[in-house]
Amino acid sequence: MMRILVTGSTGHLGSATIEFLLNKTSGNDIAALARSEEKAKTLIEKGVDVRIGDYNDYDSLVKAFHGVDKLLLISSSEMGNRSIHHINTINAASEAGVTHIVYTSFIRQKDDPNSALWFIAKDHIETEEHLMNCGIPYTLFKNGFYMDMITDFIGQNVLDTQTIFLPAGDGKVNFALREEIAETLANVLTSYGHENKSYNIGGEETVSFGEIAGFLTEISGLKINYVSPDVETYKQELIKHNVPDMYINMFAGFAMAFSENAMNVPSEDFTMLLGRKATDVKGFCEKTFS
């Protein structure tokens, strides 16, 4: 029996991965890390072995990882503490005897401190380096930008405004649907031959926001314009709409990274691991906006 533990088990990616794992193996073989039983009530009802632990409590992690063979480390959402959380998790897994760690990182062209993507990249790079040097076999899932978040950047009401307003220039992005990333993670966690490998999880073709405007024009029959303003103008527009500062900086940071082609990394890895062609951006737009 192989015991698989998933961190971030109550989040979107973690819970979706567990659903796919439940279709592949017994709930008795699946463990989930959660901060409390209350947060993981749904998982308990499905027969998942919920283990209580906190990224900031090293001993709780060692205890939670006891008897685990494969660990899925879903990157922490706490930006300021992310690297510390990850290193604590990896060290605790090593002490507990975990034999394989799969880590969800992100897709990128290069590791450049001058890139607009560095605000996201830094913690992931530190984690990858620590993981590759910890002595435990690893698999890096360098995930494309969540396709699900396209609507956050172009607006749910884009067919009403008929404009995508984003300083992403002509940059292209590798997108991946979160549910299909989860399915791919479950495939890797329940198979062998992925040790000490790095996969780029995204489409075989990358897409610009100008092209997304074209898809929406074709789908809706309306003329959807793409406007790429300077970053300051973009920020001022978000301020007018009462977007919190934290999100303004995040949206602007990603948009600048898109414009730099920082996530323009076509790959066949996703198709290979998923076992079929992944959903493309045009298909996502058709489903979301038709």
Protein backbone atom coordinates (compact mmCIF):
# COMPACT_ATOMS: atom_id res chain seq x y z
CA MET A 1 0.00 0.00 0.00
CA MET A 2 1.33 3.45 -0.97
CA ARG A 3 0.26 6.35 1.24
CA ILE A 4 -0.06 9.74 -0.52
CA LEU A 5 -0.40 12.97 1.47
CA VAL A 6 -1.63 16.24 -0.02
CA THR A 7 -0.87 19.62 1.56
CA GLY A 8 -3.13 22.59 0.86
CA SER A 9 -5.89 20.00 0.89
CA THR A 10 -8.78 22.41 1.43
CA GLY A 11 -7.72 24.80 -1.35
CA HIS A 12 -8.88 24.64 -4.97
CA LEU A 13 -5.94 22.66 -6.37
CA GLY A 14 -5.50 20.38 -3.36
CA SER A 15 -9.16 19.40 -3.05
CA ALA A 16 -9.43 18.83 -6.80
CA THR A 17 -6.33 16.60 -6.76
CA ILE A 18 -7.79 14.56 -3.91
CA GLU A 19 -11.00 14.06 -5.91
CA PHE A 20 -8.99 12.60 -8.79
CA LEU A 21 -6.96 10.46 -6.38
CA LEU A 22 -10.18 9.06 -4.89
CA ASN A 23 -11.12 7.85 -8.38
CA LYS A 24 -7.79 6.05 -8.67
CA THR A 25 -7.20 4.57 -5.24
CA SER A 26 -8.83 3.92 -1.87
CA GLY A 27 -9.49 6.80 0.50
CA ASN A 28 -7.49 4.82 3.05
CA ASP A 29 -4.39 5.41 0.90
CA ILE A 30 -4.90 9.18 0.80
CA ALA A 31 -3.94 11.56 3.58
CA ALA A 32 -4.52 15.29 3.73
CA LEU A 33 -2.79 17.97 5.76
CA ALA A 34 -5.15 20.49 7.35
CA ARG A 35 -4.95 23.02 10.16
CA SER A 36 -8.09 21.66 11.82
CA GLU A 37 -10.61 18.87 11.43
CA GLU A 38 -13.34 21.47 11.02
CA LYS A 39 -11.69 22.86 7.88
CA ALA A 40 -11.36 19.34 6.46
CA LYS A 41 -14.80 18.05 7.43
CA THR A 42 -15.74 17.26 3.82
CA LEU A 43 -12.55 15.24 3.32
CA ILE A 44 -13.16 13.24 6.50
CA GLU A 45 -16.65 12.38 5.24
CA LYS A 46 -15.07 11.01 2.05
CA GLY A 47 -12.83 8.66 4.01
CA VAL A 48 -9.62 10.66 3.61
CA ASP A 49 -7.10 10.35 6.44
CA VAL A 50 -6.95 13.96 7.66
CA ARG A 51 -3.82 14.86 9.59
CA ILE A 52 -3.51 18.05 11.57
CA GLY A 53 -0.43 20.17 10.99
CA ASP A 54 0.75 23.72 10.51
CA TYR A 55 3.56 24.98 8.29
CA ASN A 56 4.88 27.02 11.22
CA ASP A 57 4.85 24.05 13.62
CA TYR A 58 7.68 21.77 12.52
CA ASP A 59 6.91 18.97 14.99
CA SER A 60 3.28 18.83 13.85
CA LEU A 61 4.50 18.33 10.28
CA VAL A 62 6.85 15.49 11.21
CA LYS A 63 3.99 13.78 13.05
CA ALA A 64 1.57 14.32 10.15
CA PHE A 65 4.02 12.90 7.60
CA HIS A 66 4.69 9.69 9.52
CA GLY A 67 4.02 6.66 7.30
CA VAL A 68 3.66 8.77 4.14
CA ASP A 69 5.35 7.55 0.96
CA LYS A 70 4.58 10.35 -1.50
CA LEU A 71 4.00 13.96 -0.52
CA LEU A 72 2.33 16.56 -2.72
CA LEU A 73 3.60 19.95 -1.56
CA ILE A 74 1.20 22.53 -2.95
CA SER A 75 2.86 25.92 -2.71
CA SER A 76 1.76 28.04 0.24
CA SER A 77 -0.45 31.04 -0.44
CA GLU A 78 1.24 33.22 2.18
CA MET A 79 3.62 35.28 0.06
CA GLY A 80 5.78 36.62 2.89
CA ASN A 81 6.25 33.25 4.56
CA ARG A 82 6.06 30.94 1.56
CA SER A 83 9.73 29.93 1.43
CA ILE A 84 9.85 29.23 5.19
CA HIS A 85 6.69 27.11 4.94
CA HIS A 86 8.11 25.08 2.08
CA ILE A 87 11.50 24.48 3.69
CA ASN A 88 9.86 23.42 6.96
CA THR A 89 7.69 20.98 5.01
CA ILE A 90 10.60 19.49 3.07
CA ASN A 91 12.76 19.11 6.18
CA ALA A 92 9.90 17.51 8.12
CA ALA A 93 9.22 15.13 5.23
CA SER A 94 12.87 14.11 5.24
CA GLU A 95 12.81 13.44 8.98
CA ALA A 96 9.56 11.46 8.69
CA GLY A 97 10.96 9.20 5.96
CA VAL A 98 8.90 10.40 2.98
CA THR A 99 10.35 8.84 -0.18
CA HIS A 100 9.09 11.21 -2.92
CA ILE A 101 8.00 14.87 -2.96
CA VAL A 102 6.01 16.45 -5.79
CA TYR A 103 6.12 20.25 -5.65
CA THR A 104 3.89 22.73 -7.48
CA SER A 105 6.10 25.52 -8.75
CA PHE A 106 5.40 27.74 -11.78
CA ILE A 107 6.42 27.94 -15.41
CA ARG A 108 8.99 30.53 -16.46
CA GLN A 109 11.51 31.24 -19.19
CA LYS A 110 14.41 31.99 -16.86
CA ASP A 111 15.38 32.86 -13.30
CA ASP A 112 16.02 36.59 -13.59
CA PRO A 113 16.04 38.87 -10.51
CA ASN A 114 15.31 41.80 -12.85
CA SER A 115 12.15 40.19 -14.22
CA ALA A 116 8.73 41.54 -13.24
CA LEU A 117 7.99 37.95 -12.24
CA TRP A 118 10.65 37.91 -9.52
CA PHE A 119 8.11 38.76 -6.80
CA ILE A 120 6.63 35.31 -7.40
CA ALA A 121 9.75 33.51 -8.61
CA LYS A 122 12.06 34.08 -5.65
CA ASP A 123 10.34 31.78 -3.14
CA HIS A 124 9.74 29.06 -5.72
CA ILE A 125 13.38 29.06 -6.80
CA GLU A 126 14.56 28.83 -3.18
CA THR A 127 12.16 25.92 -2.63
CA GLU A 128 13.25 24.10 -5.78
CA GLU A 129 16.92 24.41 -4.83
CA HIS A 130 16.27 23.15 -1.30
CA LEU A 131 14.18 20.26 -2.58
CA MET A 132 16.74 19.19 -5.18
CA ASN A 133 19.46 19.15 -2.52
CA CYS A 134 17.53 17.48 0.31
CA GLY A 135 18.21 13.91 -0.80
CA ILE A 136 14.57 12.92 -1.37
CA PRO A 137 13.51 12.04 -4.94
CA TYR A 138 11.43 14.94 -6.26
CA THR A 139 9.20 16.00 -9.12
CA LEU A 140 8.78 19.66 -10.05
CA PHE A 141 5.44 20.70 -11.53
CA LYS A 142 6.16 24.08 -13.10
CA ASN A 143 2.54 25.07 -13.60
CA GLY A 144 1.35 27.48 -16.24
CA PHE A 145 -0.75 30.47 -15.28
CA TYR A 146 -4.19 29.33 -14.17
CA MET A 147 -6.54 29.58 -17.12
CA ASP A 148 -9.32 29.98 -14.58
CA MET A 149 -7.91 33.41 -13.69
CA ILE A 150 -8.21 34.86 -17.19
CA THR A 151 -11.60 36.30 -16.20
CA ASP A 152 -9.97 38.09 -13.24
CA PHE A 153 -7.67 39.92 -15.65
CA ILE A 154 -10.10 40.68 -18.46
CA GLY A 155 -13.26 41.11 -16.35
CA GLN A 156 -16.33 38.90 -15.99
CA ASN A 157 -18.28 41.58 -17.88
CA VAL A 158 -15.84 41.87 -20.79
CA LEU A 159 -18.65 41.25 -23.31
CA ASP A 160 -20.40 44.33 -21.90
CA THR A 161 -17.34 46.58 -21.80
CA GLN A 162 -16.09 45.10 -25.09
CA THR A 163 -12.56 45.94 -23.98
CA ILE A 164 -9.65 44.07 -22.41
CA PHE A 165 -7.62 46.72 -20.56
CA LEU A 166 -4.31 45.22 -19.46
CA PRO A 167 -0.65 46.31 -19.85
CA ALA A 168 0.46 42.93 -21.18
CA GLY A 169 1.62 44.17 -24.58
CA ASP A 170 2.03 41.42 -27.16
CA GLY A 171 3.47 39.00 -24.61
CA LYS A 172 2.33 35.40 -24.75
CA VAL A 173 1.44 33.24 -21.75
CA ASN A 174 1.31 29.52 -21.10
CA PHE A 175 -2.07 28.83 -19.51
CA ALA A 176 -3.32 25.65 -17.80
CA LEU A 177 -6.75 24.79 -16.42
CA ARG A 178 -6.53 24.17 -12.68
CA GLU A 179 -8.74 21.07 -12.77
CA GLU A 180 -6.54 19.49 -15.43
CA ILE A 181 -3.41 20.30 -13.41
CA ALA A 182 -5.06 18.44 -10.52
CA GLU A 183 -5.82 15.46 -12.75
CA THR A 184 -2.22 15.41 -13.96
CA LEU A 185 -0.91 15.57 -10.39
CA ALA A 186 -3.07 12.56 -9.50
CA ASN A 187 -1.68 10.69 -12.52
CA VAL A 188 1.90 11.33 -11.42
CA LEU A 189 1.25 10.57 -7.75
CA THR A 190 -0.21 7.16 -8.60
CA SER A 191 2.53 6.11 -11.02
CA TYR A 192 6.29 5.74 -11.14
CA GLY A 193 9.12 7.00 -13.29
CA HIS A 194 8.78 10.69 -12.40
CA GLU A 195 11.56 10.85 -9.83
CA ASN A 196 14.02 13.77 -10.15
CA LYS A 197 12.18 15.24 -13.12
CA SER A 198 10.87 18.70 -13.90
CA TYR A 199 7.74 19.22 -16.01
CA ASN A 200 6.36 22.38 -17.63
CA ILE A 201 2.62 22.12 -17.12
CA GLY A 202 0.91 24.19 -19.78
CA GLY A 203 -0.25 24.21 -23.36
CA GLU A 204 1.68 23.35 -26.48
CA GLU A 205 0.77 26.83 -27.73
CA THR A 206 1.04 30.09 -25.81
CA VAL A 207 -1.50 32.90 -26.18
CA SER A 208 -1.48 36.71 -25.94
CA PHE A 209 -4.31 38.81 -24.53
CA GLY A 210 -4.73 40.33 -27.98
CA GLU A 211 -5.46 36.83 -29.24
CA ILE A 212 -7.90 36.31 -26.38
CA ALA A 213 -9.74 39.45 -27.54
CA GLY A 214 -9.88 37.85 -30.99
CA PHE A 215 -11.33 34.61 -29.57
CA LEU A 216 -14.02 36.58 -27.72
CA THR A 217 -14.85 38.57 -30.86
CA GLU A 218 -15.32 35.32 -32.77
CA ILE A 219 -17.37 33.70 -30.01
CA SER A 220 -19.66 36.64 -29.22
CA GLY A 221 -20.01 38.34 -32.59
CA LEU A 222 -19.05 41.59 -30.83
CA LYS A 223 -15.87 43.54 -31.49
CA ILE A 224 -13.74 43.03 -28.37
CA ASN A 225 -10.87 45.50 -28.24
CA TYR A 226 -7.54 44.95 -26.56
CA VAL A 227 -5.92 48.01 -25.00
CA SER A 228 -2.47 47.74 -23.42
CA PRO A 229 -1.92 50.97 -21.43
CA ASP A 230 1.19 51.98 -19.52
CA VAL A 231 1.36 50.46 -16.04
CA GLU A 232 0.61 53.70 -14.16
CA THR A 233 -2.54 54.34 -16.19
CA TYR A 234 -3.62 50.76 -15.49
CA LYS A 235 -3.04 51.16 -11.76
CA GLN A 236 -5.02 54.41 -11.68
CA GLU A 237 -7.93 52.68 -13.41
CA LEU A 238 -7.93 49.94 -10.77
CA ILE A 239 -7.82 52.57 -8.01
CA LYS A 240 -10.93 54.19 -9.52
CA HIS A 241 -12.68 50.84 -9.15
CA ASN A 242 -11.63 50.56 -5.47
CA VAL A 243 -9.37 47.56 -6.00
CA PRO A 244 -7.21 47.02 -2.86
CA ASP A 245 -3.53 48.02 -3.20
CA MET A 246 -2.32 44.45 -2.70
CA TYR A 247 -4.30 43.26 -5.71
CA ILE A 248 -3.38 46.29 -7.81
CA ASN A 249 0.31 45.49 -7.39
CA MET A 250 -0.27 41.79 -8.04
CA PHE A 251 -2.29 42.36 -11.24
CA ALA A 252 0.21 44.94 -12.47
CA GLY A 253 3.15 42.69 -11.64
CA PHE A 254 1.73 39.76 -13.57
CA ALA A 255 0.75 41.99 -16.50
CA MET A 256 4.31 43.31 -16.74
CA ALA A 257 5.61 39.74 -16.58
CA PHE A 258 3.22 38.76 -19.38
CA SER A 259 4.51 41.66 -21.48
CA GLU A 260 8.08 40.38 -20.96
CA ASN A 261 7.07 36.91 -22.22
CA ALA A 262 8.25 35.62 -18.84
CA MET A 263 5.71 32.75 -18.99
CA ASN A 264 5.93 32.13 -22.74
CA VAL A 265 7.07 28.51 -22.51
CA PRO A 266 5.26 26.12 -24.88
CA SER A 267 5.49 22.52 -23.70
CA GLU A 268 4.32 19.02 -24.56
CA ASP A 269 4.74 17.79 -20.96
CA PHE A 270 1.14 18.56 -19.99
CA THR A 271 -0.37 16.58 -22.87
CA MET A 272 1.94 13.66 -22.14
CA LEU A 273 1.12 13.49 -18.42
CA LEU A 274 -2.59 14.22 -18.81
CA GLY A 275 -2.93 11.54 -21.47
CA ARG A 276 -4.85 13.78 -23.86
CA LYS A 277 -4.73 17.28 -25.29
CA ALA A 278 -5.36 19.83 -22.55
CA THR A 279 -8.10 22.45 -22.80
CA ASP A 280 -6.89 25.40 -24.84
CA VAL A 281 -7.66 29.07 -24.18
CA LYS A 282 -10.15 29.33 -27.05
CA GLY A 283 -12.05 26.33 -25.69
CA PHE A 284 -12.04 27.87 -22.21
CA CYS A 285 -13.40 31.14 -23.59
CA GLU A 286 -16.13 29.32 -25.51
CA LYS A 287 -17.24 27.50 -22.37
CA THR A 288 -17.01 30.57 -20.14
CA PHE A 289 -18.51 33.26 -22.38
CA SER A 290 -20.93 31.44 -24.71
